[in-house]
């Protein structure tokens, strides 16, 4: 890695953290006094989401006006940018339903990517003032402490997380996967924040996480965190992970990843 690229990554990571913390401060400022609207079935957006994204965008565009910006609240969810274009990928409030109910499990996610490659990313948990940060080739940290995924290698010993759609149906493949994983793992959690699930796999608090109905802004920073902390991320089918179609399985290590993949594909092949 040459010095100019190294310096660029440092600059991007610094901007990620400044932007994520600014967004987190807006979430704290608005807590308990926001207006809530619906985007869709059981899908909420608050004034806090919008204030957080505005704060993030202001910091990013002031520093890098030439870069593309993709955020959850701007309606560009299905558009992947040019593969050579540096793009900021932002979720100003991941875990909106938790936030609305006062449940302290939500986060801000800010990342920069080129095509399918995430170069730097930060997940900020404003409830606990935890800042999870990663830079490509440089490792992952939380509040200055180096992150490392857990040593768990067997599903039977694993604490696993899943993201399910809010309107999951009784006979859906997602729910069947959940039931199967609950039967063979130590436990399964559905916490309501994909970004924090990814951060917690990177930190070793969780051992694996899978999701199917999700967007690039939910996962961009977290995928880099896990890889830099020593974990494995692939598509939900075991193939190459696609940031712009992120149906995925993430695990602490290759053995656990293989076992989880067998569990999910055996019961609910896709």
Protein backbone atom coordinates (compact mmCIF):
# COMPACT_ATOMS: atom_id res chain seq x y z
CA UNK A 1 0.00 0.00 0.00
CA UNK A 2 1.64 3.28 -1.10
CA UNK A 3 1.72 6.34 1.13
CA UNK A 4 -0.87 8.32 -0.82
CA UNK A 5 -3.40 5.48 -0.66
CA UNK A 6 -2.58 4.91 2.99
CA UNK A 7 -3.17 8.58 3.75
CA UNK A 8 -6.42 8.56 1.80
CA UNK A 9 -7.77 5.63 3.82
CA UNK A 10 -6.82 7.38 7.06
CA UNK A 11 -8.63 10.50 5.88
CA UNK A 12 -11.72 8.51 4.89
CA UNK A 13 -11.80 6.72 8.24
CA UNK A 14 -11.48 10.00 10.14
CA UNK A 15 -14.39 11.39 8.13
CA UNK A 16 -16.44 8.23 8.73
CA UNK A 17 -16.02 8.61 12.47
CA UNK A 18 -16.74 12.34 12.54
CA UNK A 19 -19.86 11.85 10.43
CA UNK A 20 -21.12 8.85 12.41
CA UNK A 21 -20.65 10.65 15.73
CA UNK A 22 -22.44 13.73 14.37
CA UNK A 23 -25.35 11.55 13.29
CA UNK A 24 -25.39 9.84 16.68
CA UNK A 25 -25.54 13.20 18.44
CA UNK A 26 -28.60 14.13 16.37
CA UNK A 27 -30.26 10.87 17.44
CA UNK A 28 -29.61 11.74 21.09
CA UNK A 29 -30.89 15.28 20.56
CA UNK A 30 -34.14 14.07 19.00
CA UNK A 31 -34.83 11.16 21.33
CA UNK A 32 -38.33 11.38 22.75
CA UNK A 33 -39.42 14.42 20.73
CA UNK A 34 -39.59 13.25 17.12
CA UNK A 35 -42.47 12.80 14.70
CA UNK A 36 -42.87 9.34 13.18
CA UNK A 37 -44.10 8.49 9.68
CA UNK A 38 -44.44 5.23 7.79
CA UNK A 39 -42.39 4.32 4.72
CA UNK A 40 -44.20 1.02 4.31
CA UNK A 41 -45.70 -1.82 6.30
CA UNK A 42 -44.13 -1.63 9.78
CA UNK A 43 -41.35 0.50 8.30
CA UNK A 44 -40.86 3.77 10.14
CA UNK A 45 -38.97 6.97 9.43
CA UNK A 46 -38.54 9.70 12.02
CA UNK A 47 -37.36 13.29 12.07
CA UNK A 48 -34.29 11.85 13.79
CA UNK A 49 -33.38 9.71 10.74
CA UNK A 50 -33.52 12.78 8.54
CA UNK A 51 -31.60 15.03 10.94
CA UNK A 52 -28.90 12.39 11.33
CA UNK A 53 -28.52 11.93 7.58
CA UNK A 54 -28.34 15.70 7.02
CA UNK A 55 -25.55 15.97 9.62
CA UNK A 56 -23.63 13.09 8.03
CA UNK A 57 -24.05 14.39 4.50
CA UNK A 58 -22.89 17.86 5.54
CA UNK A 59 -19.60 16.51 6.90
CA UNK A 60 -18.96 14.11 4.02
CA UNK A 61 -19.77 16.53 1.19
CA UNK A 62 -17.78 19.35 2.78
CA UNK A 63 -14.69 17.14 2.78
CA UNK A 64 -15.32 15.13 -0.40
CA UNK A 65 -17.77 17.02 -2.65
CA UNK A 66 -16.73 14.96 -5.68
CA UNK A 67 -17.76 11.61 -4.15
CA UNK A 68 -21.14 9.92 -4.60
CA UNK A 69 -23.46 9.63 -1.59
CA UNK A 70 -26.02 6.85 -1.02
CA UNK A 71 -28.21 7.13 2.06
CA UNK A 72 -31.25 5.23 3.28
CA UNK A 73 -33.48 8.30 3.41
CA UNK A 74 -32.86 9.46 -0.16
CA UNK A 75 -34.49 6.65 -2.11
CA UNK A 76 -31.50 5.27 -4.05
CA UNK A 77 -31.70 1.80 -2.57
CA UNK A 78 -31.60 -0.21 -5.79
CA UNK A 79 -28.96 1.78 -7.67
CA UNK A 80 -25.38 0.55 -7.51
CA UNK A 81 -22.92 3.30 -8.44
CA UNK A 82 -20.23 3.08 -11.07
CA UNK A 83 -17.67 0.45 -10.07
CA UNK A 84 -14.84 3.00 -10.18
CA UNK A 85 -16.67 5.70 -8.26
CA UNK A 86 -15.91 6.39 -4.61
CA UNK A 87 -19.26 6.22 -2.84
CA UNK A 88 -20.31 6.99 0.72
CA UNK A 89 -22.91 4.51 1.96
CA UNK A 90 -24.88 5.71 4.97
CA UNK A 91 -27.56 4.46 7.32
CA UNK A 92 -28.37 7.41 9.60
CA UNK A 93 -30.42 5.25 11.97
CA UNK A 94 -30.26 1.47 11.80
CA UNK A 95 -32.84 0.11 14.21
CA UNK A 96 -35.52 2.77 13.83
CA UNK A 97 -38.23 0.69 15.52
CA UNK A 98 -35.97 0.13 18.53
CA UNK A 99 -35.26 3.87 18.64
CA UNK A 100 -38.94 4.77 18.50
CA UNK A 101 -39.68 2.46 21.43
CA UNK A 102 -36.74 3.66 23.50
CA UNK A 103 -34.96 0.31 23.23
CA UNK A 104 -31.21 1.12 23.25
CA UNK A 105 -30.18 -1.03 20.30
CA UNK A 106 -29.68 1.22 17.29
CA UNK A 107 -26.72 2.66 15.44
CA UNK A 108 -25.35 4.95 12.76
CA UNK A 109 -23.39 3.34 9.92
CA UNK A 110 -21.06 5.25 7.60
CA UNK A 111 -18.76 3.66 5.00
CA UNK A 112 -16.92 4.48 1.81
CA UNK A 113 -16.63 1.94 -1.00
CA UNK A 114 -15.47 1.57 -4.55
CA UNK A 115 -17.73 -0.90 -6.32
CA UNK A 116 -17.93 -4.01 -4.15
CA UNK A 117 -14.91 -3.08 -2.02
CA UNK A 118 -15.49 -1.28 1.26
CA UNK A 119 -12.44 0.83 2.09
CA UNK A 120 -13.31 2.30 5.48
CA UNK A 121 -16.31 2.19 7.77
CA UNK A 122 -17.66 3.11 11.18
CA UNK A 123 -20.64 1.90 13.20
CA UNK A 124 -21.47 4.19 16.10
CA UNK A 125 -23.70 3.06 18.98
CA UNK A 126 -24.85 6.31 20.63
CA UNK A 127 -26.59 4.54 23.53
CA UNK A 128 -23.29 3.11 24.78
CA UNK A 129 -20.86 5.55 23.11
CA UNK A 130 -19.16 2.68 21.28
CA UNK A 131 -17.43 3.49 18.01
CA UNK A 132 -16.57 0.44 15.88
CA UNK A 133 -14.11 1.38 13.13
CA UNK A 134 -12.29 -0.46 10.36
CA UNK A 135 -10.00 0.37 7.45
CA UNK A 136 -9.10 -2.00 4.63
CA UNK A 137 -5.87 -3.79 5.45
CA UNK A 138 -5.47 -1.99 8.78
CA UNK A 139 -7.70 -3.91 11.19
CA UNK A 140 -10.78 -3.11 13.27
CA UNK A 141 -11.21 -1.40 16.63
CA UNK A 142 -13.82 -0.32 19.16
CA UNK A 143 -12.96 2.85 21.08
CA UNK A 144 -9.29 2.19 20.40
CA UNK A 145 -9.23 -1.51 21.38
CA UNK A 146 -8.41 -4.01 18.63
CA UNK A 147 -11.29 -6.27 17.61
CA UNK A 148 -11.04 -10.01 17.04
CA UNK A 149 -13.84 -12.41 16.21
CA UNK A 150 -14.60 -15.24 18.65
CA UNK A 151 -12.91 -18.65 18.64
CA UNK A 152 -16.22 -20.52 18.47
CA UNK A 153 -16.11 -23.01 15.59
CA UNK A 154 -19.16 -25.22 16.20
CA UNK A 155 -22.78 -24.21 15.63
CA UNK A 156 -23.82 -25.98 18.84
CA UNK A 157 -21.71 -23.50 20.83
CA UNK A 158 -22.59 -20.41 18.79
CA UNK A 159 -24.66 -17.37 19.68
CA UNK A 160 -26.19 -16.44 16.34
CA UNK A 161 -28.10 -13.37 15.14
CA UNK A 162 -30.55 -12.95 12.28
CA UNK A 163 -32.34 -10.09 10.56
CA UNK A 164 -35.88 -10.97 9.51
CA UNK A 165 -38.28 -8.67 7.66
CA UNK A 166 -40.83 -6.94 9.88
CA UNK A 167 -43.72 -8.57 8.00
CA UNK A 168 -42.30 -12.12 8.00
CA UNK A 169 -44.94 -14.74 7.14
CA UNK A 170 -45.51 -17.93 9.09
CA UNK A 171 -44.50 -20.16 6.20
CA UNK A 172 -41.59 -18.06 4.93
CA UNK A 173 -38.17 -19.58 4.30
CA UNK A 174 -36.68 -16.93 6.59
CA UNK A 175 -38.75 -18.11 9.54
CA UNK A 176 -37.96 -21.75 8.81
CA UNK A 177 -34.25 -20.88 8.81
CA UNK A 178 -34.70 -19.16 12.17
CA UNK A 179 -36.40 -22.22 13.68
CA UNK A 180 -33.74 -24.60 12.36
CA UNK A 181 -30.87 -22.43 13.61
CA UNK A 182 -32.54 -22.12 17.02
CA UNK A 183 -32.69 -25.91 17.28
CA UNK A 184 -29.01 -26.52 16.57
CA UNK A 185 -27.21 -23.44 17.92
CA UNK A 186 -26.77 -22.33 21.51
CA UNK A 187 -29.24 -19.47 20.86
CA UNK A 188 -30.50 -17.13 18.15
CA UNK A 189 -31.08 -13.41 18.60
CA UNK A 190 -33.15 -10.98 16.52
CA UNK A 191 -32.12 -7.61 17.92
CA UNK A 192 -33.41 -5.23 15.26
CA UNK A 193 -30.11 -3.64 14.15
CA UNK A 194 -28.13 -5.33 11.39
CA UNK A 195 -25.27 -2.87 11.82
CA UNK A 196 -24.85 -3.68 15.52
CA UNK A 197 -25.15 -7.41 14.84
CA UNK A 198 -22.22 -7.12 12.45
CA UNK A 199 -20.22 -5.01 14.90
CA UNK A 200 -20.84 -7.59 17.61
CA UNK A 201 -19.67 -10.46 15.40
CA UNK A 202 -16.50 -8.46 14.81
CA UNK A 203 -16.05 -7.93 18.56
CA UNK A 204 -16.69 -11.58 19.44
CA UNK A 205 -19.92 -10.93 21.34
CA UNK A 206 -21.83 -12.77 18.59
CA UNK A 207 -20.47 -15.71 16.62
CA UNK A 208 -22.48 -15.53 13.39
CA UNK A 209 -25.16 -13.46 11.66
CA UNK A 210 -27.22 -13.94 8.53
CA UNK A 211 -29.72 -11.77 6.69
CA UNK A 212 -31.64 -11.83 3.43
CA UNK A 213 -33.88 -8.73 3.23
CA UNK A 214 -31.34 -5.97 3.69
CA UNK A 215 -29.59 -3.08 1.94
CA UNK A 216 -26.04 -1.92 1.29
CA UNK A 217 -26.29 0.90 3.84
CA UNK A 218 -27.21 -1.57 6.59
CA UNK A 219 -24.08 -3.65 6.13
CA UNK A 220 -21.27 -1.83 4.32
CA UNK A 221 -19.31 -0.77 7.41
CA UNK A 222 -20.06 -3.99 9.30
CA UNK A 223 -18.84 -6.31 6.56
CA UNK A 224 -15.46 -4.59 6.61
CA UNK A 225 -15.36 -4.75 10.42
CA UNK A 226 -15.84 -8.52 10.40
CA UNK A 227 -13.28 -9.17 7.69
CA UNK A 228 -10.69 -6.96 9.37
CA UNK A 229 -11.38 -8.71 12.70
CA UNK A 230 -10.68 -12.13 11.15
CA UNK A 231 -14.18 -13.27 10.24
CA UNK A 232 -15.70 -14.67 7.05
CA UNK A 233 -18.44 -13.10 4.94
CA UNK A 234 -20.05 -14.60 1.84
CA UNK A 235 -23.35 -14.50 0.06
CA UNK A 236 -26.21 -16.36 1.72
CA UNK A 237 -25.53 -19.23 -0.70
CA UNK A 238 -21.81 -19.35 0.08
CA UNK A 239 -20.87 -17.48 -3.10
CA UNK A 240 -19.09 -14.13 -3.40
CA UNK A 241 -20.64 -11.39 -1.26
CA UNK A 242 -22.34 -8.64 -3.29
CA UNK A 243 -22.55 -5.32 -1.45
CA UNK A 244 -25.39 -4.12 -3.67
CA UNK A 245 -27.46 -7.29 -3.24
CA UNK A 246 -26.41 -8.17 0.32
CA UNK A 247 -28.05 -11.48 1.17
CA UNK A 248 -25.26 -12.85 3.31
CA UNK A 249 -23.84 -15.07 6.01
CA UNK A 250 -21.11 -13.76 8.31
CA UNK A 251 -19.26 -15.87 10.87
CA UNK A 252 -16.34 -15.70 13.27
CA UNK A 253 -14.24 -18.18 11.29
CA UNK A 254 -14.26 -20.58 8.33
CA UNK A 255 -15.31 -23.71 10.24
CA UNK A 256 -18.32 -22.05 11.85
CA UNK A 257 -19.19 -20.45 8.53
CA UNK A 258 -19.22 -23.88 6.84
CA UNK A 259 -21.42 -25.37 9.56
CA UNK A 260 -23.86 -22.46 9.48
CA UNK A 261 -24.07 -22.66 5.70
CA UNK A 262 -24.93 -26.36 5.96
CA UNK A 263 -27.67 -25.61 8.50
CA UNK A 264 -29.26 -22.91 6.38
CA UNK A 265 -29.03 -24.68 3.03
CA UNK A 266 -30.03 -28.12 4.33
CA UNK A 267 -33.33 -26.96 5.76
CA UNK A 268 -34.14 -24.14 3.38
CA UNK A 269 -32.12 -24.44 0.15
CA UNK A 270 -32.05 -21.35 -2.08
